[in-house]
């Protein structure tokens, strides 16, 4: 069984927007691979949206509805990317062995 501090934050939300977590020791299991694939799609979509920003904001004929839609899509992508970053940060922290003296004494 996975320790509570090693739960993986999944790239989707549950009912009411609550976070979903995966408890597994199998990093190559079906749910882990599914989460990895969804994260890759989310990061790709964020990159594509980011490429649209300069052309949209520099277009003097872009209407406010189009700009609002792009802003809404960017906010959603940012939320997804933040969730991926949080999840991966937690996974890295859980996998790093603790050194004597605590994390503040670790040298690079």
PDB file of N, CA and C in Angstrom:
ATOM      1  N   UNK A   1       0.842  -1.189   0.000  1.00  0.00           N
ATOM      2  CA  UNK A   1       0.000   0.000   0.000  1.00  0.00           C
ATOM      3  C   UNK A   1       0.881   1.244   0.000  1.00  0.00           C
ATOM      4  N   UNK A   2       0.461   2.244  -0.713  1.00  0.00           N
ATOM      5  CA  UNK A   2       1.186   3.495  -0.816  1.00  0.00           C
ATOM      6  C   UNK A   2       0.991   4.322   0.452  1.00  0.00           C
ATOM      7  N   UNK A   3       2.075   4.924   0.927  1.00  0.00           N
ATOM      8  CA  UNK A   3       1.985   5.812   2.087  1.00  0.00           C
ATOM      9  C   UNK A   3       1.174   7.048   1.702  1.00  0.00           C
ATOM     10  N   UNK A   4       0.459   7.671   2.649  1.00  0.00           N
ATOM     11  CA  UNK A   4      -0.367   8.837   2.330  1.00  0.00           C
ATOM     12  C   UNK A   4       0.400   9.964   1.645  1.00  0.00           C
ATOM     13  N   UNK A   5       1.675  10.145   1.985  1.00  0.00           N
ATOM     14  CA  UNK A   5       2.432  11.231   1.359  1.00  0.00           C
ATOM     15  C   UNK A   5       2.903  10.863  -0.048  1.00  0.00           C
ATOM     16  N   UNK A   6       2.614   9.631  -0.499  1.00  0.00           N
ATOM     17  CA  UNK A   6       3.013   9.205  -1.833  1.00  0.00           C
ATOM     18  C   UNK A   6       1.829   9.068  -2.782  1.00  0.00           C
ATOM     19  N   UNK A   7       0.656   9.513  -2.365  1.00  0.00           N
ATOM     20  CA  UNK A   7      -0.507   9.463  -3.238  1.00  0.00           C
ATOM     21  C   UNK A   7      -0.265  10.369  -4.439  1.00  0.00           C
ATOM     22  N   UNK A   8      -0.681   9.929  -5.602  1.00  0.00           N
ATOM     23  CA  UNK A   8      -0.504  10.719  -6.814  1.00  0.00           C
ATOM     24  C   UNK A   8      -1.760  11.534  -7.083  1.00  0.00           C
ATOM     25  N   UNK A   9      -1.587  12.832  -7.207  1.00  0.00           N
ATOM     26  CA  UNK A   9      -2.680  13.709  -7.603  1.00  0.00           C
ATOM     27  C   UNK A   9      -2.944  13.466  -9.081  1.00  0.00           C
ATOM     28  N   UNK A  10      -4.158  13.055  -9.402  1.00  0.00           N
ATOM     29  CA  UNK A  10      -4.493  12.735 -10.789  1.00  0.00           C
ATOM     30  C   UNK A  10      -4.857  13.996 -11.565  1.00  0.00           C
ATOM     31  N   UNK A  11      -4.706  13.957 -12.894  1.00  0.00           N
ATOM     32  CA  UNK A  11      -4.938  15.163 -13.703  1.00  0.00           C
ATOM     33  C   UNK A  11      -6.406  15.441 -14.006  1.00  0.00           C
ATOM     34  N   UNK A  12      -7.300  14.932 -13.217  1.00  0.00           N
ATOM     35  CA  UNK A  12      -8.713  15.237 -13.369  1.00  0.00           C
ATOM     36  C   UNK A  12      -9.321  15.403 -11.982  1.00  0.00           C
ATOM     37  N   UNK A  13     -10.495  16.016 -11.957  1.00  0.00           N
ATOM     38  CA  UNK A  13     -11.190  16.261 -10.695  1.00  0.00           C
ATOM     39  C   UNK A  13     -12.346  15.302 -10.544  1.00  0.00           C
ATOM     40  N   UNK A  14     -12.741  15.117  -9.312  1.00  0.00           N
ATOM     41  CA  UNK A  14     -13.909  14.309  -9.013  1.00  0.00           C
ATOM     42  C   UNK A  14     -15.142  15.181  -8.899  1.00  0.00           C
ATOM     43  N   UNK A  15     -16.217  14.612  -8.347  1.00  0.00           N
ATOM     44  CA  UNK A  15     -17.447  15.387  -8.165  1.00  0.00           C
ATOM     45  C   UNK A  15     -17.196  16.653  -7.339  1.00  0.00           C
ATOM     46  N   UNK A  16     -17.782  17.728  -7.784  1.00  0.00           N
ATOM     47  CA  UNK A  16     -17.636  18.993  -7.069  1.00  0.00           C
ATOM     48  C   UNK A  16     -16.256  19.609  -7.213  1.00  0.00           C
ATOM     49  N   UNK A  17     -15.462  19.135  -8.173  1.00  0.00           N
ATOM     50  CA  UNK A  17     -14.126  19.685  -8.385  1.00  0.00           C
ATOM     51  C   UNK A  17     -13.100  19.219  -7.369  1.00  0.00           C
ATOM     52  N   UNK A  18     -13.449  18.200  -6.583  1.00  0.00           N
ATOM     53  CA  UNK A  18     -12.518  17.704  -5.569  1.00  0.00           C
ATOM     54  C   UNK A  18     -11.388  16.933  -6.238  1.00  0.00           C
ATOM     55  N   UNK A  19     -10.174  17.033  -5.674  1.00  0.00           N
ATOM     56  CA  UNK A  19      -9.035  16.324  -6.274  1.00  0.00           C
ATOM     57  C   UNK A  19      -9.197  14.810  -6.169  1.00  0.00           C
ATOM     58  N   UNK A  20      -8.644  14.109  -7.149  1.00  0.00           N
ATOM     59  CA  UNK A  20      -8.622  12.646  -7.162  1.00  0.00           C
ATOM     60  C   UNK A  20      -7.177  12.202  -6.987  1.00  0.00           C
ATOM     61  N   UNK A  21      -6.986  11.151  -6.226  1.00  0.00           N
ATOM     62  CA  UNK A  21      -5.647  10.626  -5.952  1.00  0.00           C
ATOM     63  C   UNK A  21      -5.585   9.158  -6.314  1.00  0.00           C
ATOM     64  N   UNK A  22      -4.385   8.714  -6.661  1.00  0.00           N
ATOM     65  CA  UNK A  22      -4.129   7.316  -6.978  1.00  0.00           C
ATOM     66  C   UNK A  22      -3.181   6.755  -5.927  1.00  0.00           C
ATOM     67  N   UNK A  23      -3.555   5.607  -5.385  1.00  0.00           N
ATOM     68  CA  UNK A  23      -2.714   4.913  -4.425  1.00  0.00           C
ATOM     69  C   UNK A  23      -2.258   3.610  -5.077  1.00  0.00           C
ATOM     70  N   UNK A  24      -0.997   3.551  -5.477  1.00  0.00           N
ATOM     71  CA  UNK A  24      -0.468   2.347  -6.101  1.00  0.00           C
ATOM     72  C   UNK A  24       1.047   2.334  -5.978  1.00  0.00           C
ATOM     73  N   UNK A  25       1.586   1.153  -5.950  1.00  0.00           N
ATOM     74  CA  UNK A  25       3.036   0.995  -5.995  1.00  0.00           C
ATOM     75  C   UNK A  25       3.511   0.699  -7.408  1.00  0.00           C
ATOM     76  N   UNK A  26       2.573   0.528  -8.339  1.00  0.00           N
ATOM     77  CA  UNK A  26       2.890   0.169  -9.716  1.00  0.00           C
ATOM     78  C   UNK A  26       2.877   1.414 -10.598  1.00  0.00           C
ATOM     79  N   UNK A  27       4.053   1.990 -10.828  1.00  0.00           N
ATOM     80  CA  UNK A  27       4.150   3.209 -11.640  1.00  0.00           C
ATOM     81  C   UNK A  27       3.882   2.932 -13.112  1.00  0.00           C
ATOM     82  N   UNK A  28       3.846   1.646 -13.499  1.00  0.00           N
ATOM     83  CA  UNK A  28       3.557   1.282 -14.886  1.00  0.00           C
ATOM     84  C   UNK A  28       2.177   0.655 -15.035  1.00  0.00           C
ATOM     85  N   UNK A  29       1.349   0.747 -13.993  1.00  0.00           N
ATOM     86  CA  UNK A  29       0.002   0.195 -14.038  1.00  0.00           C
ATOM     87  C   UNK A  29      -0.903   1.005 -14.951  1.00  0.00           C
ATOM     88  N   UNK A  30      -2.076   0.456 -15.230  1.00  0.00           N
ATOM     89  CA  UNK A  30      -3.021   1.085 -16.148  1.00  0.00           C
ATOM     90  C   UNK A  30      -3.360   2.517 -15.739  1.00  0.00           C
ATOM     91  N   UNK A  31      -3.723   2.734 -14.477  1.00  0.00           N
ATOM     92  CA  UNK A  31      -4.128   4.072 -14.040  1.00  0.00           C
ATOM     93  C   UNK A  31      -2.964   5.058 -14.073  1.00  0.00           C
ATOM     94  N   UNK A  32      -1.769   4.596 -13.738  1.00  0.00           N
ATOM     95  CA  UNK A  32      -0.590   5.474 -13.805  1.00  0.00           C
ATOM     96  C   UNK A  32      -0.310   5.883 -15.247  1.00  0.00           C
ATOM     97  N   UNK A  33      -0.397   4.933 -16.163  1.00  0.00           N
ATOM     98  CA  UNK A  33      -0.168   5.247 -17.589  1.00  0.00           C
ATOM     99  C   UNK A  33      -1.263   6.160 -18.127  1.00  0.00           C
ATOM    100  N   UNK A  34      -2.505   5.915 -17.710  1.00  0.00           N
ATOM    101  CA  UNK A  34      -3.608   6.772 -18.127  1.00  0.00           C
ATOM    102  C   UNK A  34      -3.376   8.201 -17.656  1.00  0.00           C
ATOM    103  N   UNK A  35      -2.992   8.357 -16.401  1.00  0.00           N
ATOM    104  CA  UNK A  35      -2.709   9.687 -15.864  1.00  0.00           C
ATOM    105  C   UNK A  35      -1.551  10.341 -16.615  1.00  0.00           C
ATOM    106  N   UNK A  36      -0.494   9.574 -16.901  1.00  0.00           N
ATOM    107  CA  UNK A  36       0.642  10.112 -17.665  1.00  0.00           C
ATOM    108  C   UNK A  36       0.197  10.601 -19.035  1.00  0.00           C
ATOM    109  N   UNK A  37      -0.648   9.815 -19.713  1.00  0.00           N
ATOM    110  CA  UNK A  37      -1.122  10.189 -21.052  1.00  0.00           C
ATOM    111  C   UNK A  37      -2.000  11.434 -21.006  1.00  0.00           C
ATOM    112  N   UNK A  38      -2.870  11.517 -20.021  1.00  0.00           N
ATOM    113  CA  UNK A  38      -3.737  12.694 -19.908  1.00  0.00           C
ATOM    114  C   UNK A  38      -2.908  13.933 -19.597  1.00  0.00           C
ATOM    115  N   UNK A  39      -1.915  13.789 -18.720  1.00  0.00           N
ATOM    116  CA  UNK A  39      -1.026  14.924 -18.440  1.00  0.00           C
ATOM    117  C   UNK A  39      -0.318  15.384 -19.713  1.00  0.00           C
ATOM    118  N   UNK A  40       0.145  14.443 -20.529  1.00  0.00           N
ATOM    119  CA  UNK A  40       0.830  14.799 -21.773  1.00  0.00           C
ATOM    120  C   UNK A  40      -0.114  15.561 -22.709  1.00  0.00           C
ATOM    121  N   UNK A  41      -1.359  15.117 -22.796  1.00  0.00           N
ATOM    122  CA  UNK A  41      -2.347  15.811 -23.631  1.00  0.00           C
ATOM    123  C   UNK A  41      -2.595  17.217 -23.090  1.00  0.00           C
ATOM    124  N   UNK A  42      -2.762  17.333 -21.774  1.00  0.00           N
ATOM    125  CA  UNK A  42      -3.011  18.642 -21.166  1.00  0.00           C
ATOM    126  C   UNK A  42      -1.849  19.605 -21.417  1.00  0.00           C
ATOM    127  N   UNK A  43      -0.623  19.120 -21.273  1.00  0.00           N
ATOM    128  CA  UNK A  43       0.539  19.979 -21.519  1.00  0.00           C
ATOM    129  C   UNK A  43       0.624  20.374 -22.991  1.00  0.00           C
ATOM    130  N   UNK A  44       0.306  19.451 -23.882  1.00  0.00           N
ATOM    131  CA  UNK A  44       0.302  19.760 -25.313  1.00  0.00           C
ATOM    132  C   UNK A  44      -0.746  20.800 -25.669  1.00  0.00           C
ATOM    133  N   UNK A  45      -1.932  20.666 -25.089  1.00  0.00           N
ATOM    134  CA  UNK A  45      -2.990  21.644 -25.343  1.00  0.00           C
ATOM    135  C   UNK A  45      -2.600  23.025 -24.829  1.00  0.00           C
ATOM    136  N   UNK A  46      -1.950  23.070 -23.682  1.00  0.00           N
ATOM    137  CA  UNK A  46      -1.506  24.359 -23.130  1.00  0.00           C
ATOM    138  C   UNK A  46      -0.489  24.999 -24.062  1.00  0.00           C
ATOM    139  N   UNK A  47       0.419  24.202 -24.596  1.00  0.00           N
ATOM    140  CA  UNK A  47       1.424  24.734 -25.526  1.00  0.00           C
ATOM    141  C   UNK A  47       0.761  25.281 -26.794  1.00  0.00           C
ATOM    142  N   UNK A  48      -0.234  24.574 -27.297  1.00  0.00           N
ATOM    143  CA  UNK A  48      -0.940  25.034 -28.496  1.00  0.00           C
ATOM    144  C   UNK A  48      -1.684  26.344 -28.229  1.00  0.00           C
ATOM    145  N   UNK A  49      -2.319  26.442 -27.080  1.00  0.00           N
ATOM    146  CA  UNK A  49      -3.016  27.684 -26.730  1.00  0.00           C
ATOM    147  C   UNK A  49      -2.041  28.844 -26.614  1.00  0.00           C
ATOM    148  N   UNK A  50      -0.913  28.578 -26.003  1.00  0.00           N
ATOM    149  CA  UNK A  50       0.093  29.621 -25.831  1.00  0.00           C
ATOM    150  C   UNK A  50       0.587  30.146 -27.177  1.00  0.00           C
ATOM    151  N   UNK A  51       0.676  29.279 -28.162  1.00  0.00           N
ATOM    152  CA  UNK A  51       1.091  29.707 -29.504  1.00  0.00           C
ATOM    153  C   UNK A  51       0.058  30.613 -30.153  1.00  0.00           C
ATOM    154  N   UNK A  52      -1.216  30.464 -29.763  1.00  0.00           N
ATOM    155  CA  UNK A  52      -2.279  31.293 -30.340  1.00  0.00           C
ATOM    156  C   UNK A  52      -2.324  32.695 -29.750  1.00  0.00           C
ATOM    157  N   UNK A  53      -1.738  32.888 -28.596  1.00  0.00           N
ATOM    158  CA  UNK A  53      -1.853  34.172 -27.894  1.00  0.00           C
ATOM    159  C   UNK A  53      -1.304  35.343 -28.709  1.00  0.00           C
ATOM    160  N   UNK A  54      -0.059  35.287 -29.188  1.00  0.00           N
ATOM    161  CA  UNK A  54       0.457  36.467 -29.906  1.00  0.00           C
ATOM    162  C   UNK A  54      -0.380  36.848 -31.125  1.00  0.00           C
ATOM    163  N   UNK A  55      -0.793  35.866 -31.907  1.00  0.00           N
ATOM    164  CA  UNK A  55      -1.568  36.202 -33.104  1.00  0.00           C
ATOM    165  C   UNK A  55      -2.937  36.769 -32.750  1.00  0.00           C
ATOM    166  N   UNK A  56      -3.530  36.284 -31.675  1.00  0.00           N
ATOM    167  CA  UNK A  56      -4.842  36.782 -31.267  1.00  0.00           C
ATOM    168  C   UNK A  56      -4.747  38.175 -30.667  1.00  0.00           C
ATOM    169  N   UNK A  57      -3.806  38.379 -29.760  1.00  0.00           N
ATOM    170  CA  UNK A  57      -3.704  39.671 -29.092  1.00  0.00           C
ATOM    171  C   UNK A  57      -3.109  40.755 -29.991  1.00  0.00           C
ATOM    172  N   UNK A  58      -2.373  40.363 -30.998  1.00  0.00           N
ATOM    173  CA  UNK A  58      -1.797  41.345 -31.919  1.00  0.00           C
ATOM    174  C   UNK A  58      -2.709  41.633 -33.106  1.00  0.00           C
ATOM    175  N   UNK A  59      -3.827  40.942 -33.189  1.00  0.00           N
ATOM    176  CA  UNK A  59      -4.785  41.146 -34.281  1.00  0.00           C
ATOM    177  C   UNK A  59      -5.733  42.275 -33.897  1.00  0.00           C
ATOM    178  N   UNK A  60      -5.615  43.424 -34.572  1.00  0.00           N
ATOM    179  CA  UNK A  60      -6.477  44.561 -34.224  1.00  0.00           C
ATOM    180  C   UNK A  60      -7.955  44.298 -34.528  1.00  0.00           C
ATOM    181  N   UNK A  61      -8.233  43.274 -35.337  1.00  0.00           N
ATOM    182  CA  UNK A  61      -9.621  42.980 -35.687  1.00  0.00           C
ATOM    183  C   UNK A  61     -10.204  41.824 -34.868  1.00  0.00           C
ATOM    184  N   UNK A  62      -9.452  41.332 -33.909  1.00  0.00           N
ATOM    185  CA  UNK A  62      -9.971  40.265 -33.046  1.00  0.00           C
ATOM    186  C   UNK A  62     -11.097  40.827 -32.191  1.00  0.00           C
ATOM    187  N   UNK A  63     -12.211  40.123 -32.171  1.00  0.00           N
ATOM    188  CA  UNK A  63     -13.330  40.637 -31.381  1.00  0.00           C
ATOM    189  C   UNK A  63     -13.217  40.193 -29.920  1.00  0.00           C
ATOM    190  N   UNK A  64     -13.971  40.860 -29.077  1.00  0.00           N
ATOM    191  CA  UNK A  64     -13.869  40.604 -27.634  1.00  0.00           C
ATOM    192  C   UNK A  64     -14.340  39.199 -27.269  1.00  0.00           C
ATOM    193  N   UNK A  65     -15.299  38.646 -28.010  1.00  0.00           N
ATOM    194  CA  UNK A  65     -15.756  37.278 -27.723  1.00  0.00           C
ATOM    195  C   UNK A  65     -14.629  36.274 -27.962  1.00  0.00           C
ATOM    196  N   UNK A  66     -13.884  36.468 -29.031  1.00  0.00           N
ATOM    197  CA  UNK A  66     -12.757  35.580 -29.333  1.00  0.00           C
ATOM    198  C   UNK A  66     -11.670  35.698 -28.261  1.00  0.00           C
ATOM    199  N   UNK A  67     -11.378  36.905 -27.852  1.00  0.00           N
ATOM    200  CA  UNK A  67     -10.365  37.138 -26.813  1.00  0.00           C
ATOM    201  C   UNK A  67     -10.820  36.550 -25.482  1.00  0.00           C
ATOM    202  N   UNK A  68     -12.085  36.711 -25.164  1.00  0.00           N
ATOM    203  CA  UNK A  68     -12.638  36.147 -23.928  1.00  0.00           C
ATOM    204  C   UNK A  68     -12.560  34.614 -23.950  1.00  0.00           C
ATOM    205  N   UNK A  69     -12.885  34.015 -25.085  1.00  0.00           N
ATOM    206  CA  UNK A  69     -12.841  32.559 -25.222  1.00  0.00           C
ATOM    207  C   UNK A  69     -11.413  32.048 -25.048  1.00  0.00           C
ATOM    208  N   UNK A  70     -10.455  32.724 -25.675  1.00  0.00           N
ATOM    209  CA  UNK A  70      -9.055  32.334 -25.545  1.00  0.00           C
ATOM    210  C   UNK A  70      -8.590  32.473 -24.093  1.00  0.00           C
ATOM    211  N   UNK A  71      -9.006  33.549 -23.448  1.00  0.00           N
ATOM    212  CA  UNK A  71      -8.634  33.757 -22.042  1.00  0.00           C
ATOM    213  C   UNK A  71      -9.209  32.654 -21.157  1.00  0.00           C
ATOM    214  N   UNK A  72     -10.445  32.262 -21.413  1.00  0.00           N
ATOM    215  CA  UNK A  72     -11.069  31.180 -20.646  1.00  0.00           C
ATOM    216  C   UNK A  72     -10.329  29.861 -20.885  1.00  0.00           C
ATOM    217  N   UNK A  73      -9.974  29.585 -22.130  1.00  0.00           N
ATOM    218  CA  UNK A  73      -9.233  28.354 -22.446  1.00  0.00           C
ATOM    219  C   UNK A  73      -7.848  28.371 -21.795  1.00  0.00           C
ATOM    220  N   UNK A  74      -7.195  29.534 -21.804  1.00  0.00           N
ATOM    221  CA  UNK A  74      -5.881  29.653 -21.155  1.00  0.00           C
ATOM    222  C   UNK A  74      -5.975  29.429 -19.652  1.00  0.00           C
ATOM    223  N   UNK A  75      -7.025  29.953 -19.030  1.00  0.00           N
ATOM    224  CA  UNK A  75      -7.207  29.752 -17.591  1.00  0.00           C
ATOM    225  C   UNK A  75      -7.386  28.271 -17.274  1.00  0.00           C
ATOM    226  N   UNK A  76      -8.161  27.566 -18.092  1.00  0.00           N
ATOM    227  CA  UNK A  76      -8.338  26.131 -17.897  1.00  0.00           C
ATOM    228  C   UNK A  76      -7.040  25.371 -18.087  1.00  0.00           C
ATOM    229  N   UNK A  77      -6.275  25.756 -19.109  1.00  0.00           N
ATOM    230  CA  UNK A  77      -4.990  25.105 -19.360  1.00  0.00           C
ATOM    231  C   UNK A  77      -4.013  25.377 -18.222  1.00  0.00           C
ATOM    232  N   UNK A  78      -4.022  26.593 -17.706  1.00  0.00           N
ATOM    233  CA  UNK A  78      -3.151  26.928 -16.580  1.00  0.00           C
ATOM    234  C   UNK A  78      -3.508  26.094 -15.354  1.00  0.00           C
ATOM    235  N   UNK A  79      -4.798  25.915 -15.115  1.00  0.00           N
ATOM    236  CA  UNK A  79      -5.252  25.070 -13.998  1.00  0.00           C
ATOM    237  C   UNK A  79      -4.730  23.636 -14.170  1.00  0.00           C
ATOM    238  N   UNK A  80      -4.838  23.105 -15.399  1.00  0.00           N
ATOM    239  CA  UNK A  80      -4.360  21.744 -15.673  1.00  0.00           C
ATOM    240  C   UNK A  80      -2.851  21.631 -15.495  1.00  0.00           C
ATOM    241  N   UNK A  81      -2.106  22.602 -16.014  1.00  0.00           N
ATOM    242  CA  UNK A  81      -0.645  22.576 -15.906  1.00  0.00           C
ATOM    243  C   UNK A  81      -0.216  22.702 -14.450  1.00  0.00           C
ATOM    244  N   UNK A  82      -0.898  23.537 -13.686  1.00  0.00           N
ATOM    245  CA  UNK A  82      -0.586  23.665 -12.266  1.00  0.00           C
ATOM    246  C   UNK A  82      -0.829  22.350 -11.535  1.00  0.00           C
ATOM    247  N   UNK A  83      -1.897  21.652 -11.884  1.00  0.00           N
ATOM    248  CA  UNK A  83      -2.186  20.358 -11.267  1.00  0.00           C
ATOM    249  C   UNK A  83      -1.087  19.346 -11.624  1.00  0.00           C
ATOM    250  N   UNK A  84      -0.646  19.342 -12.882  1.00  0.00           N
ATOM    251  CA  UNK A  84       0.438  18.438 -13.296  1.00  0.00           C
ATOM    252  C   UNK A  84       1.716  18.764 -12.520  1.00  0.00           C
ATOM    253  N   UNK A  85       2.042  20.046 -12.418  1.00  0.00           N
ATOM    254  CA  UNK A  85       3.259  20.450 -11.699  1.00  0.00           C
ATOM    255  C   UNK A  85       3.177  20.066 -10.224  1.00  0.00           C
ATOM    256  N   UNK A  86       2.019  20.282  -9.617  1.00  0.00           N
ATOM    257  CA  UNK A  86       1.835  19.917  -8.212  1.00  0.00           C
ATOM    258  C   UNK A  86       1.986  18.411  -8.027  1.00  0.00           C
ATOM    259  N   UNK A  87       1.354  17.651  -8.902  1.00  0.00           N
ATOM    260  CA  UNK A  87       1.430  16.192  -8.815  1.00  0.00           C
ATOM    261  C   UNK A  87       2.867  15.704  -8.960  1.00  0.00           C
ATOM    262  N   UNK A  88       3.557  16.207  -9.955  1.00  0.00           N
ATOM    263  CA  UNK A  88       4.943  15.764 -10.195  1.00  0.00           C
ATOM    264  C   UNK A  88       5.862  16.220  -9.075  1.00  0.00           C
ATOM    265  N   UNK A  89       5.621  17.395  -8.524  1.00  0.00           N
ATOM    266  CA  UNK A  89       6.419  17.859  -7.389  1.00  0.00           C
ATOM    267  C   UNK A  89       6.235  16.973  -6.174  1.00  0.00           C
ATOM    268  N   UNK A  90       4.981  16.564  -5.923  1.00  0.00           N
ATOM    269  CA  UNK A  90       4.721  15.664  -4.801  1.00  0.00           C
ATOM    270  C   UNK A  90       5.380  14.315  -5.024  1.00  0.00           C
ATOM    271  N   UNK A  91       5.330  13.815  -6.262  1.00  0.00           N
ATOM    272  CA  UNK A  91       5.955  12.524  -6.559  1.00  0.00           C
ATOM    273  C   UNK A  91       7.461  12.584  -6.368  1.00  0.00           C
ATOM    274  N   UNK A  92       8.073  13.685  -6.817  1.00  0.00           N
ATOM    275  CA  UNK A  92       9.529  13.827  -6.632  1.00  0.00           C
ATOM    276  C   UNK A  92       9.889  13.885  -5.160  1.00  0.00           C
ATOM    277  N   UNK A  93       9.136  14.640  -4.391  1.00  0.00           N
ATOM    278  CA  UNK A  93       9.425  14.772  -2.965  1.00  0.00           C
ATOM    279  C   UNK A  93       9.263  13.433  -2.250  1.00  0.00           C
ATOM    280  N   UNK A  94       8.261  12.654  -2.648  1.00  0.00           N
ATOM    281  CA  UNK A  94       8.013  11.367  -1.996  1.00  0.00           C
ATOM    282  C   UNK A  94       9.089  10.346  -2.345  1.00  0.00           C
ATOM    283  N   UNK A  95       9.721  10.494  -3.502  1.00  0.00           N
ATOM    284  CA  UNK A  95      10.718   9.514  -3.947  1.00  0.00           C
ATOM    285  C   UNK A  95      12.129   9.835  -3.487  1.00  0.00           C
ATOM    286  N   UNK A  96      12.372  11.067  -3.063  1.00  0.00           N
ATOM    287  CA  UNK A  96      13.716  11.446  -2.633  1.00  0.00           C
ATOM    288  C   UNK A  96      13.941  10.992  -1.201  1.00  0.00           C
ATOM    289  N   UNK A  97      15.045  10.290  -0.972  1.00  0.00           N
ATOM    290  CA  UNK A  97      15.328   9.869   0.398  1.00  0.00           C
ATOM    291  C   UNK A  97      15.658  11.074   1.267  1.00  0.00           C
ATOM    292  N   UNK A  98      15.231  11.019   2.513  1.00  0.00           N
ATOM    293  CA  UNK A  98      15.520  12.101   3.455  1.00  0.00           C
ATOM    294  C   UNK A  98      16.933  11.945   3.992  1.00  0.00           C
ATOM    295  N   UNK A  99      17.682  13.020   3.995  1.00  0.00           N
ATOM    296  CA  UNK A  99      19.040  13.005   4.534  1.00  0.00           C
ATOM    297  C   UNK A  99      19.015  13.390   6.001  1.00  0.00           C
ATOM    298  N   UNK A 100      19.989  12.927   6.773  1.00  0.00           N
ATOM    299  CA  UNK A 100      20.054  13.349   8.176  1.00  0.00           C
ATOM    300  C   UNK A 100      20.147  14.867   8.259  1.00  0.00           C
ATOM    301  N   UNK A 101      19.420  15.433   9.181  1.00  0.00           N
ATOM    302  CA  UNK A 101      19.448  16.885   9.332  1.00  0.00           C
ATOM    303  C   UNK A 101      18.312  17.576   8.623  1.00  0.00           C
ATOM    304  N   UNK A 102      17.526  16.826   7.856  1.00  0.00           N
ATOM    305  CA  UNK A 102      16.343  17.400   7.229  1.00  0.00           C
ATOM    306  C   UNK A 102      16.625  17.945   5.849  1.00  0.00           C
ATOM    307  N   UNK A 103      15.570  18.343   5.156  1.00  0.00           N
ATOM    308  CA  UNK A 103      15.690  18.807   3.775  1.00  0.00           C
ATOM    309  C   UNK A 103      16.443  20.122   3.629  1.00  0.00           C
ATOM    310  N   UNK A 104      16.477  20.958   4.666  1.00  0.00           N
ATOM    311  CA  UNK A 104      17.154  22.261   4.565  1.00  0.00           C
ATOM    312  C   UNK A 104      18.666  22.127   4.495  1.00  0.00           C
ATOM    313  N   UNK A 105      19.207  20.976   4.879  1.00  0.00           N
ATOM    314  CA  UNK A 105      20.659  20.813   4.889  1.00  0.00           C
ATOM    315  C   UNK A 105      21.166  20.144   3.615  1.00  0.00           C
ATOM    316  N   UNK A 106      20.261  19.777   2.709  1.00  0.00           N
ATOM    317  CA  UNK A 106      20.670  19.097   1.488  1.00  0.00           C
ATOM    318  C   UNK A 106      21.426  20.051   0.560  1.00  0.00           C
ATOM    319  N   UNK A 107      22.533  19.590   0.023  1.00  0.00           N
ATOM    320  CA  UNK A 107      23.363  20.396  -0.874  1.00  0.00           C
ATOM    321  C   UNK A 107      23.260  19.834  -2.289  1.00  0.00           C
ATOM    322  N   UNK A 108      23.300  20.696  -3.283  1.00  0.00           N
ATOM    323  CA  UNK A 108      23.251  20.259  -4.680  1.00  0.00           C
ATOM    324  C   UNK A 108      24.659  20.065  -5.214  1.00  0.00           C
TER     325      UNK A 108
END
